[in-house]
């Protein structure tokens, strides 16, 4: 039996989202996938820690 295909989530890129991405690229000097991981850790690390402690 064939697997069912999952629906593809399509992201609508708005001007606001583009601006946020540009600001992140400038603020964090993102050039690699590792840079992106570090940015996410920096931005979300405290929030995730608080959620785990709650």
PDB file of N, CA and C in Angstrom:
ATOM      1  N   UNK A   1       0.842  -1.178   0.000  1.00  0.00           N
ATOM      2  CA  UNK A   1       0.000   0.000   0.000  1.00  0.00           C
ATOM      3  C   UNK A   1       0.889   1.242   0.000  1.00  0.00           C
ATOM      4  N   UNK A   2       0.545   2.200  -0.812  1.00  0.00           N
ATOM      5  CA  UNK A   2       1.331   3.438  -0.934  1.00  0.00           C
ATOM      6  C   UNK A   2       1.073   4.351   0.260  1.00  0.00           C
ATOM      7  N   UNK A   3       2.112   5.069   0.652  1.00  0.00           N
ATOM      8  CA  UNK A   3       1.973   6.032   1.740  1.00  0.00           C
ATOM      9  C   UNK A   3       1.137   7.220   1.280  1.00  0.00           C
ATOM     10  N   UNK A   4       0.374   7.771   2.215  1.00  0.00           N
ATOM     11  CA  UNK A   4      -0.363   8.994   1.900  1.00  0.00           C
ATOM     12  C   UNK A   4       0.593  10.169   1.947  1.00  0.00           C
ATOM     13  N   UNK A   5       0.477  11.034   0.983  1.00  0.00           N
ATOM     14  CA  UNK A   5       1.321  12.227   0.973  1.00  0.00           C
ATOM     15  C   UNK A   5       0.779  13.243   1.955  1.00  0.00           C
ATOM     16  N   UNK A   6       1.691  13.855   2.705  1.00  0.00           N
ATOM     17  CA  UNK A   6       1.302  14.900   3.633  1.00  0.00           C
ATOM     18  C   UNK A   6       1.071  16.177   2.853  1.00  0.00           C
ATOM     19  N   UNK A   7       0.070  16.954   3.250  1.00  0.00           N
ATOM     20  CA  UNK A   7      -0.140  18.227   2.546  1.00  0.00           C
ATOM     21  C   UNK A   7       1.052  19.158   2.783  1.00  0.00           C
ATOM     22  N   UNK A   8       1.408  19.876   1.756  1.00  0.00           N
ATOM     23  CA  UNK A   8       2.533  20.803   1.831  1.00  0.00           C
ATOM     24  C   UNK A   8       2.040  22.120   2.411  1.00  0.00           C
ATOM     25  N   UNK A   9       2.754  22.585   3.437  1.00  0.00           N
ATOM     26  CA  UNK A   9       2.408  23.869   4.045  1.00  0.00           C
ATOM     27  C   UNK A   9       3.090  24.967   3.234  1.00  0.00           C
ATOM     28  N   UNK A  10       2.318  25.841   2.679  1.00  0.00           N
ATOM     29  CA  UNK A  10       2.884  26.931   1.884  1.00  0.00           C
ATOM     30  C   UNK A  10       2.897  28.202   2.716  1.00  0.00           C
ATOM     31  N   UNK A  11       4.059  28.800   2.803  1.00  0.00           N
ATOM     32  CA  UNK A  11       4.233  30.016   3.579  1.00  0.00           C
ATOM     33  C   UNK A  11       3.989  31.213   2.680  1.00  0.00           C
ATOM     34  N   UNK A  12       3.165  32.115   3.152  1.00  0.00           N
ATOM     35  CA  UNK A  12       2.923  33.332   2.394  1.00  0.00           C
ATOM     36  C   UNK A  12       3.951  34.372   2.842  1.00  0.00           C
ATOM     37  N   UNK A  13       4.813  34.761   1.928  1.00  0.00           N
ATOM     38  CA  UNK A  13       5.861  35.727   2.245  1.00  0.00           C
ATOM     39  C   UNK A  13       5.306  37.129   2.075  1.00  0.00           C
ATOM     40  N   UNK A  14       5.151  37.812   3.197  1.00  0.00           N
ATOM     41  CA  UNK A  14       4.638  39.177   3.179  1.00  0.00           C
ATOM     42  C   UNK A  14       5.799  40.160   3.270  1.00  0.00           C
ATOM     43  N   UNK A  15       5.522  41.410   3.024  1.00  0.00           N
ATOM     44  CA  UNK A  15       6.562  42.440   3.142  1.00  0.00           C
ATOM     45  C   UNK A  15       7.088  42.512   4.571  1.00  0.00           C
ATOM     46  N   UNK A  16       6.205  42.353   5.538  1.00  0.00           N
ATOM     47  CA  UNK A  16       6.613  42.386   6.937  1.00  0.00           C
ATOM     48  C   UNK A  16       7.585  41.269   7.265  1.00  0.00           C
ATOM     49  N   UNK A  17       7.307  40.071   6.752  1.00  0.00           N
ATOM     50  CA  UNK A  17       8.197  38.937   6.984  1.00  0.00           C
ATOM     51  C   UNK A  17       9.550  39.165   6.313  1.00  0.00           C
ATOM     52  N   UNK A  18       9.523  39.730   5.131  1.00  0.00           N
ATOM     53  CA  UNK A  18      10.786  40.035   4.432  1.00  0.00           C
ATOM     54  C   UNK A  18      11.635  41.019   5.233  1.00  0.00           C
ATOM     55  N   UNK A  19      10.979  42.018   5.808  1.00  0.00           N
ATOM     56  CA  UNK A  19      11.695  43.005   6.611  1.00  0.00           C
ATOM     57  C   UNK A  19      12.313  42.373   7.848  1.00  0.00           C
ATOM     58  N   UNK A  20      11.562  41.488   8.499  1.00  0.00           N
ATOM     59  CA  UNK A  20      12.089  40.809   9.679  1.00  0.00           C
ATOM     60  C   UNK A  20      13.307  39.970   9.310  1.00  0.00           C
ATOM     61  N   UNK A  21      13.221  39.249   8.213  1.00  0.00           N
ATOM     62  CA  UNK A  21      14.342  38.419   7.769  1.00  0.00           C
ATOM     63  C   UNK A  21      15.557  39.279   7.453  1.00  0.00           C
ATOM     64  N   UNK A  22      15.348  40.383   6.771  1.00  0.00           N
ATOM     65  CA  UNK A  22      16.463  41.278   6.443  1.00  0.00           C
ATOM     66  C   UNK A  22      17.113  41.830   7.702  1.00  0.00           C
ATOM     67  N   UNK A  23      16.303  42.192   8.693  1.00  0.00           N
ATOM     68  CA  UNK A  23      16.842  42.700   9.955  1.00  0.00           C
ATOM     69  C   UNK A  23      17.659  41.634  10.676  1.00  0.00           C
ATOM     70  N   UNK A  24      17.167  40.384  10.670  1.00  0.00           N
ATOM     71  CA  UNK A  24      17.910  39.298  11.305  1.00  0.00           C
ATOM     72  C   UNK A  24      19.235  39.052  10.587  1.00  0.00           C
ATOM     73  N   UNK A  25      19.204  39.079   9.259  1.00  0.00           N
ATOM     74  CA  UNK A  25      20.431  38.871   8.487  1.00  0.00           C
ATOM     75  C   UNK A  25      21.464  39.937   8.813  1.00  0.00           C
ATOM     76  N   UNK A  26      21.027  41.173   8.965  1.00  0.00           N
ATOM     77  CA  UNK A  26      21.943  42.265   9.277  1.00  0.00           C
ATOM     78  C   UNK A  26      22.419  42.208  10.722  1.00  0.00           C
ATOM     79  N   UNK A  27      21.505  41.972  11.652  1.00  0.00           N
ATOM     80  CA  UNK A  27      21.836  41.975  13.081  1.00  0.00           C
ATOM     81  C   UNK A  27      22.810  40.860  13.449  1.00  0.00           C
ATOM     82  N   UNK A  28      22.584  39.681  12.877  1.00  0.00           N
ATOM     83  CA  UNK A  28      23.368  38.513  13.261  1.00  0.00           C
ATOM     84  C   UNK A  28      24.421  38.115  12.223  1.00  0.00           C
ATOM     85  N   UNK A  29      24.513  38.817  11.119  1.00  0.00           N
ATOM     86  CA  UNK A  29      25.491  38.513  10.069  1.00  0.00           C
ATOM     87  C   UNK A  29      25.408  37.037   9.675  1.00  0.00           C
ATOM     88  N   UNK A  30      24.215  36.592   9.323  1.00  0.00           N
ATOM     89  CA  UNK A  30      23.947  35.190   8.994  1.00  0.00           C
ATOM     90  C   UNK A  30      24.526  34.861   7.623  1.00  0.00           C
ATOM     91  N   UNK A  31      25.331  33.802   7.596  1.00  0.00           N
ATOM     92  CA  UNK A  31      25.909  33.336   6.338  1.00  0.00           C
ATOM     93  C   UNK A  31      25.765  31.830   6.154  1.00  0.00           C
ATOM     94  N   UNK A  32      25.607  31.084   7.250  1.00  0.00           N
ATOM     95  CA  UNK A  32      25.552  29.622   7.155  1.00  0.00           C
ATOM     96  C   UNK A  32      24.359  29.084   7.935  1.00  0.00           C
ATOM     97  N   UNK A  33      24.093  27.793   7.742  1.00  0.00           N
ATOM     98  CA  UNK A  33      23.024  27.145   8.492  1.00  0.00           C
ATOM     99  C   UNK A  33      23.343  27.148   9.988  1.00  0.00           C
ATOM    100  N   UNK A  34      24.619  27.012  10.325  1.00  0.00           N
ATOM    101  CA  UNK A  34      25.024  27.052  11.733  1.00  0.00           C
ATOM    102  C   UNK A  34      24.721  28.420  12.339  1.00  0.00           C
ATOM    103  N   UNK A  35      24.919  29.482  11.563  1.00  0.00           N
ATOM    104  CA  UNK A  35      24.579  30.826  12.024  1.00  0.00           C
ATOM    105  C   UNK A  35      23.092  30.912  12.354  1.00  0.00           C
ATOM    106  N   UNK A  36      22.266  30.308  11.516  1.00  0.00           N
ATOM    107  CA  UNK A  36      20.820  30.325  11.742  1.00  0.00           C
ATOM    108  C   UNK A  36      20.479  29.587  13.028  1.00  0.00           C
ATOM    109  N   UNK A  37      21.132  28.436  13.259  1.00  0.00           N
ATOM    110  CA  UNK A  37      20.894  27.697  14.491  1.00  0.00           C
ATOM    111  C   UNK A  37      21.256  28.542  15.708  1.00  0.00           C
ATOM    112  N   UNK A  38      22.371  29.239  15.634  1.00  0.00           N
ATOM    113  CA  UNK A  38      22.804  30.074  16.754  1.00  0.00           C
ATOM    114  C   UNK A  38      21.839  31.230  17.000  1.00  0.00           C
ATOM    115  N   UNK A  39      21.313  31.795  15.928  1.00  0.00           N
ATOM    116  CA  UNK A  39      20.333  32.874  16.063  1.00  0.00           C
ATOM    117  C   UNK A  39      19.081  32.358  16.765  1.00  0.00           C
ATOM    118  N   UNK A  40      18.595  31.197  16.331  1.00  0.00           N
ATOM    119  CA  UNK A  40      17.398  30.630  16.946  1.00  0.00           C
ATOM    120  C   UNK A  40      17.629  30.318  18.422  1.00  0.00           C
ATOM    121  N   UNK A  41      18.795  29.792  18.746  1.00  0.00           N
ATOM    122  CA  UNK A  41      19.124  29.538  20.152  1.00  0.00           C
ATOM    123  C   UNK A  41      19.108  30.838  20.940  1.00  0.00           C
ATOM    124  N   UNK A  42      19.693  31.871  20.367  1.00  0.00           N
ATOM    125  CA  UNK A  42      19.754  33.167  21.037  1.00  0.00           C
ATOM    126  C   UNK A  42      18.361  33.756  21.241  1.00  0.00           C
ATOM    127  N   UNK A  43      17.546  33.696  20.202  1.00  0.00           N
ATOM    128  CA  UNK A  43      16.222  34.308  20.262  1.00  0.00           C
ATOM    129  C   UNK A  43      15.231  33.500  21.089  1.00  0.00           C
ATOM    130  N   UNK A  44      15.319  32.173  21.022  1.00  0.00           N
ATOM    131  CA  UNK A  44      14.303  31.335  21.650  1.00  0.00           C
ATOM    132  C   UNK A  44      14.784  30.624  22.908  1.00  0.00           C
ATOM    133  N   UNK A  45      16.071  30.641  23.156  1.00  0.00           N
ATOM    134  CA  UNK A  45      16.633  29.902  24.274  1.00  0.00           C
ATOM    135  C   UNK A  45      15.998  30.233  25.605  1.00  0.00           C
ATOM    136  N   UNK A  46      15.878  31.493  25.928  1.00  0.00           N
ATOM    137  CA  UNK A  46      15.288  31.899  27.203  1.00  0.00           C
ATOM    138  C   UNK A  46      13.834  31.499  27.309  1.00  0.00           C
ATOM    139  N   UNK A  47      13.093  31.640  26.232  1.00  0.00           N
ATOM    140  CA  UNK A  47      11.677  31.292  26.222  1.00  0.00           C
ATOM    141  C   UNK A  47      11.485  29.800  26.447  1.00  0.00           C
ATOM    142  N   UNK A  48      12.266  28.995  25.752  1.00  0.00           N
ATOM    143  CA  UNK A  48      12.149  27.544  25.889  1.00  0.00           C
ATOM    144  C   UNK A  48      12.535  27.119  27.305  1.00  0.00           C
ATOM    145  N   UNK A  49      13.576  27.719  27.845  1.00  0.00           N
ATOM    146  CA  UNK A  49      14.007  27.400  29.214  1.00  0.00           C
ATOM    147  C   UNK A  49      12.887  27.701  30.203  1.00  0.00           C
ATOM    148  N   UNK A  50      12.237  28.848  30.059  1.00  0.00           N
ATOM    149  CA  UNK A  50      11.128  29.207  30.949  1.00  0.00           C
ATOM    150  C   UNK A  50       9.978  28.236  30.816  1.00  0.00           C
ATOM    151  N   UNK A  51       9.693  27.790  29.606  1.00  0.00           N
ATOM    152  CA  UNK A  51       8.613  26.839  29.387  1.00  0.00           C
ATOM    153  C   UNK A  51       8.925  25.498  30.056  1.00  0.00           C
ATOM    154  N   UNK A  52      10.181  25.073  29.973  1.00  0.00           N
ATOM    155  CA  UNK A  52      10.574  23.794  30.570  1.00  0.00           C
ATOM    156  C   UNK A  52      10.498  23.857  32.096  1.00  0.00           C
ATOM    157  N   UNK A  53      10.801  25.031  32.669  1.00  0.00           N
ATOM    158  CA  UNK A  53      10.787  25.186  34.117  1.00  0.00           C
ATOM    159  C   UNK A  53       9.362  25.318  34.670  1.00  0.00           C
ATOM    160  N   UNK A  54       8.436  25.741  33.821  1.00  0.00           N
ATOM    161  CA  UNK A  54       7.043  25.954  34.277  1.00  0.00           C
ATOM    162  C   UNK A  54       6.297  24.640  34.478  1.00  0.00           C
TER     163      UNK A  54
END
